[in-house]
Amino acid sequence: MIDLSYTLCIINTTVVPKQQPIYDFNDFLEACKGDRRQPSSVVLMGGVGKTASKDFSLKTRDAILAFITGGGLENLEYVNSLPFRLSAEIPPPICDAYTFKSGFTDGYISFFFSASNRKWVIKSFHRDDKCGPTAMEIALRNAGLLPASPERSE
């Protein structure tokens, strides 16, 4: 009898390069900071303020930008770059998306540079729900140290 559990099978030798971000994240970060002569040129799309407030307790645009520039996006990991389908711009801008950690919370941010108005736009900023709660978060909730999460069962 042949033990196939250790057999390596090479089906295709084509190597597909990993997708890279369209934008340099440091350019976005600098835009979030602004400078003394000119304030930040970053704008928030419709629901970003609401999800940032709900998921990260960041209530204002300035609080969101301070969070980003202050190192709040820990363990930043690139996800993908996709065209913004709902954009009125032609061609539509490409959105770079990243996941990150902030304390016990996994987050998601997506942004793009709008060529038509020459501003950076944060399209999404929210909890990364597909990751689910961490073991530490569940323990803290069970101990009553974090509020109960009404949106998910643990």
Protein backbone atom coordinates (compact mmCIF):
# COMPACT_ATOMS: atom_id res chain seq x y z
CA MET A 1 0.00 0.00 0.00
CA ILE A 2 1.25 3.50 -0.88
CA ASP A 3 0.97 6.29 1.69
CA LEU A 4 -0.31 9.28 -0.29
CA SER A 5 -0.45 11.63 2.67
CA TYR A 6 3.13 12.72 1.96
CA THR A 7 2.87 12.89 -1.82
CA LEU A 8 3.38 16.33 -3.35
CA CYS A 9 1.42 16.93 -6.51
CA ILE A 10 2.32 19.83 -8.77
CA ILE A 11 -0.57 20.56 -11.11
CA ASN A 12 0.46 23.88 -12.59
CA THR A 13 3.79 25.67 -12.43
CA THR A 14 2.36 29.08 -13.32
CA VAL A 15 3.13 31.61 -10.61
CA VAL A 16 0.54 34.34 -10.19
CA PRO A 17 2.03 37.50 -8.67
CA LYS A 18 0.28 38.80 -5.59
CA GLN A 19 -1.81 41.89 -6.23
CA GLN A 20 -0.26 45.10 -4.95
CA PRO A 21 -2.02 48.24 -3.68
CA ILE A 22 -2.71 50.97 -6.22
CA TYR A 23 -1.81 53.75 -3.77
CA ASP A 24 1.15 54.21 -1.46
CA PHE A 25 -0.40 53.99 2.02
CA ASN A 26 2.05 56.63 3.26
CA ASP A 27 0.58 59.14 0.77
CA PHE A 28 -2.87 58.48 2.25
CA LEU A 29 -1.46 58.78 5.76
CA GLU A 30 0.17 62.14 4.94
CA ALA A 31 -3.12 63.40 3.52
CA CYS A 32 -4.87 62.40 6.76
CA LYS A 33 -2.34 64.46 8.74
CA GLY A 34 -2.60 67.62 6.70
CA ASP A 35 -0.17 70.38 7.66
CA ARG A 36 -0.13 73.83 9.23
CA ARG A 37 -0.79 75.62 5.95
CA GLN A 38 -3.57 73.33 4.75
CA PRO A 39 -5.91 71.05 6.70
CA SER A 40 -6.41 67.43 5.75
CA SER A 41 -7.92 66.88 2.31
CA VAL A 42 -9.54 63.59 3.31
CA VAL A 43 -13.32 63.27 3.16
CA LEU A 44 -15.64 60.56 4.47
CA MET A 45 -18.34 58.86 2.43
CA GLY A 46 -21.90 58.68 3.74
CA GLY A 47 -21.95 55.86 6.27
CA VAL A 48 -18.33 56.01 7.38
CA GLY A 49 -18.97 58.35 10.32
CA LYS A 50 -21.79 56.16 11.62
CA THR A 51 -19.83 52.88 11.47
CA ALA A 52 -16.68 54.47 12.92
CA SER A 53 -18.74 55.79 15.82
CA LYS A 54 -20.52 52.48 16.41
CA ASP A 55 -17.53 50.16 15.95
CA PHE A 56 -14.62 52.26 17.27
CA SER A 57 -16.26 55.09 19.28
CA LEU A 58 -14.80 57.65 16.87
CA LYS A 59 -17.50 60.30 16.70
CA THR A 60 -16.04 62.92 14.33
CA ARG A 61 -14.01 63.16 11.14
CA ASP A 62 -11.14 64.65 13.12
CA ALA A 63 -11.25 61.73 15.59
CA ILE A 64 -11.14 59.22 12.72
CA LEU A 65 -8.18 60.96 11.09
CA ALA A 66 -6.36 61.27 14.43
CA PHE A 67 -6.93 57.54 15.01
CA ILE A 68 -5.45 56.72 11.59
CA THR A 69 -2.45 59.04 11.90
CA GLY A 70 -1.84 58.08 15.54
CA GLY A 71 -1.14 54.43 14.73
CA GLY A 72 -4.62 53.06 15.38
CA LEU A 73 -4.46 50.79 12.34
CA GLU A 74 -2.28 48.07 13.87
CA ASN A 75 -1.15 45.01 11.86
CA LEU A 76 -2.32 46.65 8.63
CA GLU A 77 -2.75 44.00 5.93
CA TYR A 78 -3.56 44.69 2.29
CA VAL A 79 -6.69 42.90 1.01
CA ASN A 80 -7.33 44.03 -2.57
CA SER A 81 -7.84 46.87 -5.03
CA LEU A 82 -11.18 47.09 -6.83
CA PRO A 83 -13.00 49.70 -8.92
CA PHE A 84 -15.60 51.71 -7.01
CA ARG A 85 -18.71 50.53 -8.85
CA LEU A 86 -21.04 53.27 -7.57
CA SER A 87 -18.77 56.16 -8.52
CA ALA A 88 -19.96 58.86 -10.93
CA GLU A 89 -16.35 59.37 -12.05
CA ILE A 90 -15.29 57.90 -15.38
CA PRO A 91 -13.23 55.84 -15.19
CA PRO A 92 -14.23 54.86 -11.66
CA PRO A 93 -11.50 55.23 -9.04
CA ILE A 94 -9.80 52.14 -7.65
CA CYS A 95 -10.30 51.49 -3.91
CA ASP A 96 -7.51 49.94 -1.86
CA ALA A 97 -8.78 47.83 1.04
CA TYR A 98 -6.95 46.79 4.21
CA THR A 99 -7.73 44.90 7.38
CA PHE A 100 -6.25 45.99 10.70
CA LYS A 101 -6.41 45.39 14.42
CA SER A 102 -7.28 47.93 17.06
CA GLY A 103 -7.02 46.47 20.52
CA PHE A 104 -9.43 43.52 20.53
CA THR A 105 -11.24 44.59 17.37
CA ASP A 106 -10.52 43.57 13.78
CA GLY A 107 -11.23 46.41 11.39
CA TYR A 108 -11.54 47.14 7.69
CA ILE A 109 -10.72 50.34 5.80
CA SER A 110 -11.13 51.13 2.13
CA PHE A 111 -10.13 54.40 0.46
CA PHE A 112 -9.39 55.96 -2.92
CA PHE A 113 -8.08 59.15 -4.47
CA SER A 114 -10.73 61.09 -6.38
CA ALA A 115 -9.12 62.62 -9.44
CA SER A 116 -12.15 64.85 -10.08
CA ASN A 117 -12.04 66.67 -6.73
CA ARG A 118 -8.37 66.02 -5.88
CA LYS A 119 -9.20 64.55 -2.46
CA TRP A 120 -8.69 61.25 -0.69
CA VAL A 121 -11.98 59.56 0.18
CA ILE A 122 -12.49 57.00 2.96
CA LYS A 123 -15.14 54.72 1.48
CA SER A 124 -15.41 52.22 4.35
CA PHE A 125 -14.24 52.16 7.95
CA HIS A 126 -15.81 49.51 10.14
CA ARG A 127 -15.39 46.35 12.13
CA ASP A 128 -14.30 43.39 10.01
CA ASP A 129 -17.26 41.15 10.79
CA LYS A 130 -16.01 38.14 8.87
CA CYS A 131 -13.27 37.68 11.48
CA GLY A 132 -15.72 37.28 14.36
CA PRO A 133 -14.92 38.03 17.99
CA THR A 134 -11.52 37.12 19.40
CA ALA A 135 -11.17 34.78 22.37
CA MET A 136 -10.12 37.74 24.51
CA GLU A 137 -13.18 39.75 23.45
CA ILE A 138 -15.52 36.86 24.31
CA ALA A 139 -13.85 36.45 27.72
CA LEU A 140 -14.16 40.19 28.46
CA ARG A 141 -17.83 40.20 27.41
CA ASN A 142 -18.54 37.13 29.55
CA ALA A 143 -16.84 38.86 32.50
CA GLY A 144 -19.04 41.91 31.96
CA LEU A 145 -16.06 44.15 31.10
CA LEU A 146 -17.31 44.86 27.58
CA PRO A 147 -20.91 45.59 26.58
CA ALA A 148 -22.89 42.71 25.12
CA SER A 149 -22.83 42.52 21.36
CA PRO A 150 -26.46 42.51 20.14
CA GLU A 151 -25.53 41.81 16.51
CA ARG A 152 -23.81 38.47 16.95
CA SER A 153 -24.15 35.32 18.99
CA GLU A 154 -21.06 34.08 20.74
